[in-house]
């Protein structure tokens, strides 16, 4: 049991680890969470979707008796495997754009685009698993949403850097252009 100065030491450690008990800090942490809560929710939903896709590959392996590392076999297995692989390949791009657009442009607009993207990827997966041509409509829609997220991210970053045009950091970036007379 902690007594006397040992207890005070422990309280100081807890204050360092969990600053929410300090005045003003809790509201700052809460405010930061409010600024990213929708992005975090869409991210978790995306991870759950990826887990669902992986589970569908496992079920297809069992159904058609295809052991890893084999990736060929029954056509339905191959389509399911390919759909999961394609969705996994685009997931890092999606997550990166989701967070950059959400932080620098607008969290709400970005979260809606993210939810629509996840929905189109689910439709893509379901369509591809049935017939290869079933993937095309959702594929185009998801690609379009990635372009929208890229546009939002670029617009947000551009706005952010233009607001900082008087900063030392921005002057350092512009300096080579000033030497060439381009700025």
Protein backbone atom coordinates (compact mmCIF):
# COMPACT_ATOMS: atom_id res chain seq x y z
CA UNK A 1 0.00 0.00 0.00
CA UNK A 2 1.28 3.48 -0.87
CA UNK A 3 1.62 5.99 1.96
CA UNK A 4 2.92 9.54 2.40
CA UNK A 5 5.46 10.69 -0.18
CA UNK A 6 5.08 7.47 -2.17
CA UNK A 7 1.43 8.29 -2.73
CA UNK A 8 2.26 11.84 -3.87
CA UNK A 9 4.81 10.42 -6.30
CA UNK A 10 2.18 8.03 -7.69
CA UNK A 11 -0.31 10.89 -8.09
CA UNK A 12 2.27 12.85 -10.10
CA UNK A 13 2.85 9.81 -12.34
CA UNK A 14 -0.88 9.42 -12.90
CA UNK A 15 -1.24 13.12 -13.72
CA UNK A 16 1.49 12.75 -16.35
CA UNK A 17 -0.08 9.64 -17.83
CA UNK A 18 -3.70 10.81 -17.64
CA UNK A 19 -3.77 14.60 -17.83
CA UNK A 20 -7.57 14.67 -18.01
CA UNK A 21 -7.66 15.52 -14.32
CA UNK A 22 -5.76 18.76 -14.92
CA UNK A 23 -7.87 21.89 -15.46
CA UNK A 24 -8.39 22.74 -19.11
CA UNK A 25 -6.76 19.60 -20.47
CA UNK A 26 -9.89 17.47 -20.54
CA UNK A 27 -11.74 19.99 -22.68
CA UNK A 28 -8.81 20.12 -25.13
CA UNK A 29 -8.68 16.34 -25.47
CA UNK A 30 -12.47 16.23 -25.88
CA UNK A 31 -12.30 18.96 -28.51
CA UNK A 32 -9.61 17.07 -30.44
CA UNK A 33 -11.69 13.91 -30.32
CA UNK A 34 -14.70 15.80 -31.64
CA UNK A 35 -12.62 16.91 -34.61
CA UNK A 36 -11.77 13.34 -35.65
CA UNK A 37 -14.58 11.16 -34.30
CA UNK A 38 -16.29 10.68 -37.67
CA UNK A 39 -12.99 9.85 -39.37
CA UNK A 40 -12.18 7.32 -36.66
CA UNK A 41 -15.62 5.74 -37.04
CA UNK A 42 -15.27 5.38 -40.81
CA UNK A 43 -11.77 3.95 -40.32
CA UNK A 44 -13.03 1.28 -37.92
CA UNK A 45 -15.89 0.44 -40.29
CA UNK A 46 -13.35 0.10 -43.11
CA UNK A 47 -11.22 -2.27 -41.04
CA UNK A 48 -14.31 -4.34 -40.22
CA UNK A 49 -15.17 -4.44 -43.92
CA UNK A 50 -11.67 -5.68 -44.74
CA UNK A 51 -12.06 -8.39 -42.07
CA UNK A 52 -15.39 -9.40 -43.63
CA UNK A 53 -13.74 -9.72 -47.05
CA UNK A 54 -10.94 -11.85 -45.60
CA UNK A 55 -13.47 -14.09 -43.86
CA UNK A 56 -15.29 -14.61 -47.16
CA UNK A 57 -12.04 -15.87 -48.71
CA UNK A 58 -11.60 -18.28 -45.78
CA UNK A 59 -15.17 -19.56 -46.22
CA UNK A 60 -14.62 -19.98 -49.98
CA UNK A 61 -11.38 -21.90 -49.32
CA UNK A 62 -13.24 -24.28 -47.03
CA UNK A 63 -16.21 -24.62 -49.36
CA UNK A 64 -14.05 -25.50 -52.37
CA UNK A 65 -11.30 -27.28 -50.39
CA UNK A 66 -8.50 -24.96 -51.55
CA UNK A 67 -5.65 -24.85 -49.04
CA UNK A 68 -3.25 -21.92 -48.74
CA UNK A 69 -1.03 -20.90 -50.49
CA UNK A 70 -3.08 -21.99 -53.55
CA UNK A 71 -4.91 -19.13 -55.23
CA UNK A 72 -6.49 -21.03 -58.09
CA UNK A 73 -9.30 -23.53 -58.21
CA UNK A 74 -13.04 -23.14 -58.49
CA UNK A 75 -14.01 -19.96 -60.42
CA UNK A 76 -16.16 -18.67 -57.55
CA UNK A 77 -13.20 -18.98 -55.18
CA UNK A 78 -10.92 -17.18 -57.63
CA UNK A 79 -13.38 -14.30 -57.99
CA UNK A 80 -13.81 -14.01 -54.22
CA UNK A 81 -10.04 -14.14 -53.70
CA UNK A 82 -9.44 -11.50 -56.41
CA UNK A 83 -12.18 -9.22 -55.07
CA UNK A 84 -10.66 -9.35 -51.57
CA UNK A 85 -7.15 -8.72 -52.91
CA UNK A 86 -8.34 -5.76 -55.01
CA UNK A 87 -10.15 -4.20 -52.05
CA UNK A 88 -7.08 -4.67 -49.85
CA UNK A 89 -4.84 -3.03 -52.44
CA UNK A 90 -6.89 0.17 -52.42
CA UNK A 91 -7.48 0.33 -48.67
CA UNK A 92 -4.23 2.20 -47.77
CA UNK A 93 -4.96 4.80 -50.44
CA UNK A 94 -8.49 5.24 -49.11
CA UNK A 95 -7.41 5.58 -45.46
CA UNK A 96 -4.69 8.08 -46.32
CA UNK A 97 -7.01 10.27 -48.35
CA UNK A 98 -9.80 9.95 -45.77
CA UNK A 99 -7.64 11.33 -42.97
CA UNK A 100 -5.90 14.06 -44.96
CA UNK A 101 -9.19 15.30 -46.44
CA UNK A 102 -10.94 15.01 -43.07
CA UNK A 103 -8.32 16.95 -41.18
CA UNK A 104 -7.54 19.63 -43.76
CA UNK A 105 -10.88 20.02 -45.57
CA UNK A 106 -13.99 19.02 -43.60
CA UNK A 107 -14.58 16.01 -41.40
CA UNK A 108 -18.31 15.66 -42.14
CA UNK A 109 -18.08 15.85 -45.92
CA UNK A 110 -15.11 13.49 -45.89
CA UNK A 111 -16.87 10.98 -43.61
CA UNK A 112 -19.88 10.89 -45.95
CA UNK A 113 -17.57 10.26 -48.91
CA UNK A 114 -15.82 7.58 -46.87
CA UNK A 115 -19.08 5.82 -46.05
CA UNK A 116 -20.10 5.93 -49.70
CA UNK A 117 -16.71 4.50 -50.66
CA UNK A 118 -17.10 1.63 -48.19
CA UNK A 119 -20.57 0.93 -49.56
CA UNK A 120 -19.32 0.87 -53.17
CA UNK A 121 -16.47 -1.46 -52.20
CA UNK A 122 -18.96 -3.81 -50.53
CA UNK A 123 -21.08 -3.77 -53.71
CA UNK A 124 -17.90 -4.33 -55.75
CA UNK A 125 -16.97 -7.34 -53.63
CA UNK A 126 -20.45 -8.84 -53.79
CA UNK A 127 -20.74 -8.26 -57.53
CA UNK A 128 -17.31 -9.66 -58.32
CA UNK A 129 -17.91 -12.78 -56.22
CA UNK A 130 -20.99 -13.62 -58.31
CA UNK A 131 -19.75 -12.70 -61.79
CA UNK A 132 -16.67 -10.74 -62.91
CA UNK A 133 -18.76 -8.19 -64.84
CA UNK A 134 -20.72 -7.41 -61.66
CA UNK A 135 -17.78 -5.43 -60.34
CA UNK A 136 -17.66 -2.72 -62.99
CA UNK A 137 -20.35 -0.26 -61.81
CA UNK A 138 -19.18 -0.25 -58.18
CA UNK A 139 -15.55 -0.17 -59.34
CA UNK A 140 -16.14 3.06 -61.28
CA UNK A 141 -18.10 4.56 -58.39
CA UNK A 142 -15.38 3.75 -55.85
CA UNK A 143 -12.68 5.13 -58.16
CA UNK A 144 -14.70 8.33 -58.58
CA UNK A 145 -15.00 8.64 -54.78
CA UNK A 146 -11.23 8.24 -54.40
CA UNK A 147 -10.78 11.10 -56.86
CA UNK A 148 -13.25 13.19 -54.86
CA UNK A 149 -11.32 12.45 -51.65
CA UNK A 150 -8.08 13.37 -53.41
CA UNK A 151 -9.63 16.65 -54.55
CA UNK A 152 -10.86 17.43 -51.03
CA UNK A 153 -7.43 16.60 -49.58
CA UNK A 154 -5.64 18.82 -52.10
CA UNK A 155 -8.11 21.67 -51.61
CA UNK A 156 -7.70 21.44 -47.84
CA UNK A 157 -3.92 21.33 -48.01
CA UNK A 158 -3.78 24.21 -50.47
CA UNK A 159 -6.02 26.32 -48.25
CA UNK A 160 -3.92 25.39 -45.22
CA UNK A 161 -0.65 26.39 -46.87
CA UNK A 162 -2.02 29.59 -48.36
CA UNK A 163 -3.15 30.67 -44.90
CA UNK A 164 0.39 30.10 -43.69
CA UNK A 165 1.93 32.16 -46.49
CA UNK A 166 3.48 34.61 -44.04
CA UNK A 167 5.18 31.92 -41.98
CA UNK A 168 8.90 31.28 -41.99
CA UNK A 169 8.31 27.76 -43.20
CA UNK A 170 6.42 28.93 -46.27
CA UNK A 171 9.06 31.57 -47.00
CA UNK A 172 11.66 28.82 -46.95
CA UNK A 173 9.66 26.84 -49.51
CA UNK A 174 9.10 29.85 -51.74
CA UNK A 175 12.72 31.04 -51.55
CA UNK A 176 13.99 28.89 -54.50
CA UNK A 177 11.13 30.22 -56.62
CA UNK A 178 11.96 33.79 -55.68
CA UNK A 179 15.55 33.27 -56.81
CA UNK A 180 14.28 32.26 -60.24
CA UNK A 181 11.84 35.18 -60.37
CA UNK A 182 8.86 32.82 -60.54
CA UNK A 183 7.18 33.96 -57.31
